[in-house]
């Protein structure tokens, strides 16, 4: 898959998690972000609505910063 480098702003916690991840974990996170960005671009809904839905779903599934870090470490 062809890729391009992108610079985005994230929270300090998100940056810490990403920077602490292994190369394989980073690759997975980058793929996930790429898929989500593509999904948003194709969605007929406003970006803000999609982002709110993603956040609500993650929280409902128990994805806290600690849980995310645990997933990345596992």
N, C-alpha and C. Protein backbone atom coordinates (compact mmCIF):
# COMPACT_ATOMS: atom_id res chain seq x y z
N UNK A 1 0.84 -1.18 0.00
CA UNK A 1 0.00 0.00 0.00
C UNK A 1 0.89 1.24 0.00
N UNK A 2 0.59 2.15 -0.89
CA UNK A 2 1.34 3.40 -0.95
C UNK A 2 0.90 4.30 0.20
N UNK A 3 1.85 5.01 0.80
CA UNK A 3 1.53 5.89 1.92
C UNK A 3 2.16 7.26 1.73
N UNK A 4 1.66 8.21 2.47
CA UNK A 4 2.21 9.56 2.52
C UNK A 4 2.35 9.96 3.98
N UNK A 5 3.29 10.85 4.26
CA UNK A 5 3.49 11.34 5.61
C UNK A 5 2.52 12.49 5.86
N UNK A 6 1.92 12.49 7.06
CA UNK A 6 0.94 13.48 7.45
C UNK A 6 1.27 13.95 8.85
N UNK A 7 1.21 15.24 9.10
CA UNK A 7 1.43 15.78 10.44
C UNK A 7 0.10 16.25 10.98
N UNK A 8 -0.28 15.72 12.16
CA UNK A 8 -1.53 16.11 12.78
C UNK A 8 -1.29 16.46 14.24
N UNK A 9 -2.18 17.25 14.80
CA UNK A 9 -2.11 17.58 16.22
C UNK A 9 -2.97 16.60 17.00
N UNK A 10 -2.41 16.10 18.09
CA UNK A 10 -3.13 15.18 18.97
C UNK A 10 -2.89 15.61 20.41
N UNK A 11 -3.65 15.02 21.32
CA UNK A 11 -3.46 15.34 22.73
C UNK A 11 -2.10 14.83 23.20
N UNK A 12 -1.57 15.40 24.27
CA UNK A 12 -0.30 14.90 24.81
C UNK A 12 -0.36 13.41 25.16
N UNK A 13 -1.50 12.96 25.66
CA UNK A 13 -1.65 11.55 26.01
C UNK A 13 -1.58 10.67 24.77
N UNK A 14 -2.26 11.08 23.71
CA UNK A 14 -2.22 10.30 22.46
C UNK A 14 -0.80 10.26 21.90
N UNK A 15 -0.10 11.38 21.98
CA UNK A 15 1.28 11.42 21.50
C UNK A 15 2.17 10.51 22.32
N UNK A 16 1.95 10.50 23.64
CA UNK A 16 2.76 9.65 24.51
C UNK A 16 2.53 8.17 24.18
N UNK A 17 1.26 7.80 23.99
CA UNK A 17 0.94 6.42 23.67
C UNK A 17 1.58 6.03 22.35
N UNK A 18 1.47 6.88 21.34
CA UNK A 18 2.03 6.58 20.03
C UNK A 18 3.55 6.47 20.11
N UNK A 19 4.18 7.41 20.79
CA UNK A 19 5.64 7.40 20.89
C UNK A 19 6.18 6.22 21.68
N UNK A 20 5.38 5.69 22.61
CA UNK A 20 5.80 4.55 23.42
C UNK A 20 5.54 3.22 22.71
N UNK A 21 4.80 3.25 21.62
CA UNK A 21 4.42 2.02 20.92
C UNK A 21 5.60 1.43 20.15
N UNK A 22 5.54 0.12 19.95
CA UNK A 22 6.54 -0.55 19.13
C UNK A 22 6.28 -0.19 17.66
N UNK A 23 7.22 -0.53 16.81
CA UNK A 23 7.05 -0.26 15.38
C UNK A 23 5.81 -0.95 14.83
N UNK A 24 5.56 -2.17 15.25
CA UNK A 24 4.38 -2.91 14.80
C UNK A 24 3.09 -2.25 15.30
N UNK A 25 3.08 -1.83 16.55
CA UNK A 25 1.90 -1.15 17.10
C UNK A 25 1.66 0.17 16.38
N UNK A 26 2.73 0.89 16.08
CA UNK A 26 2.58 2.15 15.34
C UNK A 26 1.99 1.90 13.96
N UNK A 27 2.45 0.86 13.30
CA UNK A 27 1.93 0.53 11.98
C UNK A 27 0.44 0.27 12.05
N UNK A 28 0.01 -0.45 13.08
CA UNK A 28 -1.42 -0.74 13.25
C UNK A 28 -2.21 0.53 13.53
N UNK A 29 -1.67 1.40 14.38
CA UNK A 29 -2.34 2.66 14.68
C UNK A 29 -2.45 3.53 13.43
N UNK A 30 -1.40 3.57 12.64
CA UNK A 30 -1.41 4.36 11.41
C UNK A 30 -2.45 3.82 10.43
N UNK A 31 -2.54 2.50 10.33
CA UNK A 31 -3.54 1.89 9.45
C UNK A 31 -4.95 2.21 9.93
N UNK A 32 -5.16 2.10 11.24
CA UNK A 32 -6.47 2.43 11.81
C UNK A 32 -6.85 3.88 11.53
N UNK A 33 -5.92 4.80 11.75
CA UNK A 33 -6.18 6.21 11.48
C UNK A 33 -6.47 6.44 10.00
N UNK A 34 -5.71 5.80 9.14
CA UNK A 34 -5.93 5.94 7.70
C UNK A 34 -7.32 5.46 7.31
N UNK A 35 -7.73 4.32 7.86
CA UNK A 35 -9.07 3.80 7.56
C UNK A 35 -10.15 4.75 8.06
N UNK A 36 -9.98 5.28 9.26
CA UNK A 36 -10.98 6.19 9.82
C UNK A 36 -11.06 7.49 9.01
N UNK A 37 -9.93 8.03 8.62
CA UNK A 37 -9.94 9.26 7.81
C UNK A 37 -10.62 9.02 6.47
N UNK A 38 -10.36 7.87 5.87
CA UNK A 38 -11.00 7.53 4.60
C UNK A 38 -12.50 7.38 4.79
N UNK A 39 -12.89 6.74 5.90
CA UNK A 39 -14.31 6.56 6.20
C UNK A 39 -15.00 7.92 6.37
N UNK A 40 -14.36 8.83 7.05
CA UNK A 40 -14.92 10.17 7.27
C UNK A 40 -15.07 10.90 5.94
N UNK A 41 -14.10 10.76 5.07
CA UNK A 41 -14.14 11.45 3.79
C UNK A 41 -15.29 10.95 2.92
N UNK A 42 -15.63 9.69 3.09
CA UNK A 42 -16.70 9.09 2.28
C UNK A 42 -18.07 9.22 2.93
N UNK A 43 -18.09 9.58 4.19
CA UNK A 43 -19.35 9.65 4.93
C UNK A 43 -20.15 10.88 4.51
N UNK A 44 -21.44 10.72 4.33
CA UNK A 44 -22.27 11.87 3.98
C UNK A 44 -22.57 12.75 5.19
N UNK A 45 -22.08 12.35 6.37
CA UNK A 45 -22.33 13.11 7.59
C UNK A 45 -21.19 14.09 7.85
N UNK A 46 -21.47 15.13 8.62
CA UNK A 46 -20.41 16.08 8.97
C UNK A 46 -19.32 15.40 9.80
N UNK A 47 -18.09 15.84 9.62
CA UNK A 47 -16.95 15.27 10.33
C UNK A 47 -17.17 15.29 11.84
N UNK A 48 -17.69 16.39 12.36
CA UNK A 48 -17.91 16.51 13.80
C UNK A 48 -18.85 15.42 14.32
N UNK A 49 -19.87 15.12 13.56
CA UNK A 49 -20.81 14.07 13.96
C UNK A 49 -20.14 12.70 13.98
N UNK A 50 -19.33 12.42 12.98
CA UNK A 50 -18.61 11.14 12.92
C UNK A 50 -17.63 11.03 14.08
N UNK A 51 -16.91 12.10 14.36
CA UNK A 51 -15.94 12.09 15.46
C UNK A 51 -16.63 11.87 16.80
N UNK A 52 -17.77 12.50 17.00
CA UNK A 52 -18.52 12.32 18.24
C UNK A 52 -18.99 10.88 18.38
N UNK A 53 -19.42 10.29 17.29
CA UNK A 53 -19.87 8.90 17.32
C UNK A 53 -18.71 7.96 17.66
N UNK A 54 -17.56 8.19 17.05
CA UNK A 54 -16.38 7.37 17.34
C UNK A 54 -16.01 7.48 18.81
N UNK A 55 -16.03 8.68 19.35
CA UNK A 55 -15.71 8.90 20.75
C UNK A 55 -16.70 8.20 21.67
N UNK A 56 -17.99 8.35 21.38
CA UNK A 56 -19.02 7.70 22.20
C UNK A 56 -18.89 6.18 22.17
N UNK A 57 -18.64 5.65 20.99
CA UNK A 57 -18.49 4.20 20.85
C UNK A 57 -17.29 3.70 21.63
N UNK A 58 -16.17 4.39 21.51
CA UNK A 58 -14.96 3.98 22.23
C UNK A 58 -15.17 4.03 23.74
N UNK A 59 -15.80 5.09 24.22
CA UNK A 59 -16.06 5.22 25.66
C UNK A 59 -17.04 4.14 26.12
N UNK A 60 -18.07 3.87 25.34
CA UNK A 60 -19.05 2.86 25.70
C UNK A 60 -18.42 1.47 25.78
N UNK A 61 -17.39 1.27 24.99
CA UNK A 61 -16.70 -0.01 25.00
C UNK A 61 -15.57 -0.04 26.03
N UNK A 62 -15.49 1.02 26.83
CA UNK A 62 -14.50 1.05 27.91
C UNK A 62 -13.11 1.47 27.49
N UNK A 63 -12.99 2.13 26.34
CA UNK A 63 -11.67 2.54 25.87
C UNK A 63 -11.26 3.84 26.56
N UNK A 64 -10.54 3.69 27.63
CA UNK A 64 -9.97 4.82 28.35
C UNK A 64 -8.52 4.95 27.90
N UNK A 65 -7.86 6.06 28.22
CA UNK A 65 -6.43 6.16 27.88
C UNK A 65 -5.63 4.99 28.45
N UNK A 66 -6.00 4.54 29.65
CA UNK A 66 -5.30 3.41 30.26
C UNK A 66 -5.57 2.12 29.49
N UNK A 67 -6.82 1.93 29.07
CA UNK A 67 -7.17 0.72 28.32
C UNK A 67 -6.46 0.72 26.97
N UNK A 68 -6.39 1.88 26.33
CA UNK A 68 -5.68 1.98 25.05
C UNK A 68 -4.21 1.61 25.23
N UNK A 69 -3.60 2.13 26.26
CA UNK A 69 -2.20 1.82 26.52
C UNK A 69 -2.02 0.33 26.77
N UNK A 70 -2.94 -0.27 27.50
CA UNK A 70 -2.87 -1.70 27.78
C UNK A 70 -2.98 -2.51 26.48
N UNK A 71 -3.88 -2.09 25.60
CA UNK A 71 -4.02 -2.77 24.31
C UNK A 71 -2.74 -2.67 23.49
N UNK A 72 -2.13 -1.50 23.51
CA UNK A 72 -0.91 -1.30 22.74
C UNK A 72 0.25 -2.11 23.31
N UNK A 73 0.26 -2.29 24.61
CA UNK A 73 1.34 -3.05 25.23
C UNK A 73 1.16 -4.55 25.05
N UNK A 74 -0.08 -4.98 24.81
CA UNK A 74 -0.37 -6.41 24.66
C UNK A 74 -0.19 -6.83 23.29
